[in-house]
Every structure is written in structure tokens, then in C-alpha cells.
Amino acid sequence: MTTNKLLTNYLTEQGYTWKTAQELIKTAHYKLIKNYIPDCPGWTGNAIMIVWSGDISFYEVLIVKGKDVNQYLERVPCEFK
């Protein structure tokens, strides 16, 4: 599944219409990070980092779960210190 489709599905699950989700994605900056592996034990796999257009502080880290057409995104709580 494409990154755009994953993000559209994620936003519609959050209550946005398909059209609004597409508009939000057009103005956001995002990057798919393939095969992410942390320095310490933990989750590994594909992740998406997204910065929404409102402000640099509006960001999310999403991990890709599932396989092929059953893929979905799960939000990772973020905290900078």
C-alpha cells in the first residue's frame, strides 16, 4: 500500500472525510523510513514521520503494521526533552 493511501486511511479513521484527508496530506511533509531498527531492543519495521502544515510542533510518528493490503498505521507517542 502506498504511503499516501496509508495516511489517507489513518486520517479517515480519525474522523476526517476522504477529501479533507487528501488536502491535509498535500500540505504535510512526510517520509517513509523503511526497515527502521533502533539502537536498543524494541520494535523494528517501517515507520512514517510526518510534520503537519500548521507548525513544526505538529508532528507524528506512525508505525506501519500488518502486511500488503491489510496494512494500517499506529501512532507512537512522541516526547522531546
Protein backbone atom coordinates (compact mmCIF):
# COMPACT_ATOMS: atom_id res chain seq x y z
CA MET A 1 0.00 0.00 0.00
CA THR A 2 1.33 3.47 -0.80
CA THR A 3 2.28 5.96 1.90
CA ASN A 4 -0.41 8.34 0.66
CA LYS A 5 -3.08 5.63 0.93
CA LEU A 6 -1.89 4.64 4.43
CA LEU A 7 -2.06 8.28 5.57
CA THR A 8 -5.50 8.77 3.99
CA ASN A 9 -6.83 5.68 5.77
CA TYR A 10 -5.26 6.83 9.05
CA LEU A 11 -6.89 10.28 8.83
CA THR A 12 -10.31 8.93 7.86
CA GLU A 13 -10.12 6.62 10.91
CA GLN A 14 -9.51 9.80 12.96
CA GLY A 15 -12.81 11.23 11.66
CA TYR A 16 -11.72 13.28 8.64
CA THR A 17 -13.51 12.93 5.32
CA TRP A 18 -11.55 11.41 2.43
CA LYS A 19 -11.38 14.81 0.71
CA THR A 20 -10.14 16.63 3.81
CA ALA A 21 -7.59 13.87 4.47
CA GLN A 22 -6.21 14.28 0.94
CA GLU A 23 -5.95 18.07 1.39
CA LEU A 24 -4.11 17.67 4.71
CA ILE A 25 -1.66 15.19 3.18
CA LYS A 26 -0.91 17.56 0.27
CA THR A 27 0.27 20.27 2.67
CA ALA A 28 2.16 18.00 5.09
CA HIS A 29 5.77 16.85 4.87
CA TYR A 30 6.32 13.14 5.43
CA LYS A 31 8.89 10.46 4.91
CA LEU A 32 8.62 6.68 4.95
CA ILE A 33 11.53 5.18 6.86
CA LYS A 34 11.99 1.62 5.63
CA ASN A 35 13.28 -1.13 7.92
CA TYR A 36 13.83 1.09 10.96
CA ILE A 37 15.94 -0.61 13.63
CA PRO A 38 16.54 1.14 16.98
CA ASP A 39 19.85 1.08 18.85
CA CYS A 40 18.24 -0.80 21.73
CA PRO A 41 15.81 -3.76 21.69
CA GLY A 42 12.34 -2.82 20.59
CA TRP A 43 10.06 -2.55 17.61
CA THR A 44 11.56 -2.81 14.09
CA GLY A 45 9.95 -2.21 10.71
CA ASN A 46 8.64 0.62 8.55
CA ALA A 47 7.75 3.98 10.10
CA ILE A 48 6.41 7.30 8.84
CA MET A 49 7.48 10.67 10.24
CA ILE A 50 5.01 13.42 9.38
CA VAL A 51 5.09 17.16 10.08
CA TRP A 52 1.72 18.84 9.57
CA SER A 53 1.50 22.22 7.86
CA GLY A 54 0.30 24.27 10.87
CA ASP A 55 3.62 24.38 12.72
CA ILE A 56 6.82 22.37 13.16
CA SER A 57 5.48 21.29 16.57
CA PHE A 58 2.57 19.48 14.85
CA TYR A 59 4.19 16.16 14.10
CA GLU A 60 3.51 12.45 14.45
CA VAL A 61 5.48 9.26 14.22
CA LEU A 62 3.46 6.37 12.85
CA ILE A 63 4.48 2.75 12.56
CA VAL A 64 3.27 0.55 9.72
CA LYS A 65 1.54 -2.60 10.97
CA GLY A 66 0.16 -5.55 9.02
CA LYS A 67 1.03 -6.85 5.56
CA ASP A 68 0.13 -5.82 2.00
CA VAL A 69 -3.50 -4.62 1.70
CA ASN A 70 -4.09 -5.14 5.43
CA GLN A 71 -1.53 -2.51 6.42
CA TYR A 72 -2.51 0.20 8.87
CA LEU A 73 -0.80 2.93 10.88
CA GLU A 74 -0.39 3.11 14.64
CA ARG A 75 0.55 6.38 16.34
CA VAL A 76 3.65 6.41 18.54
CA PRO A 77 3.55 8.82 21.49
CA CYS A 78 6.30 11.44 20.99
CA GLU A 79 8.09 13.44 23.62
CA PHE A 80 11.13 15.70 23.26
CA LYS A 81 13.08 16.75 26.32
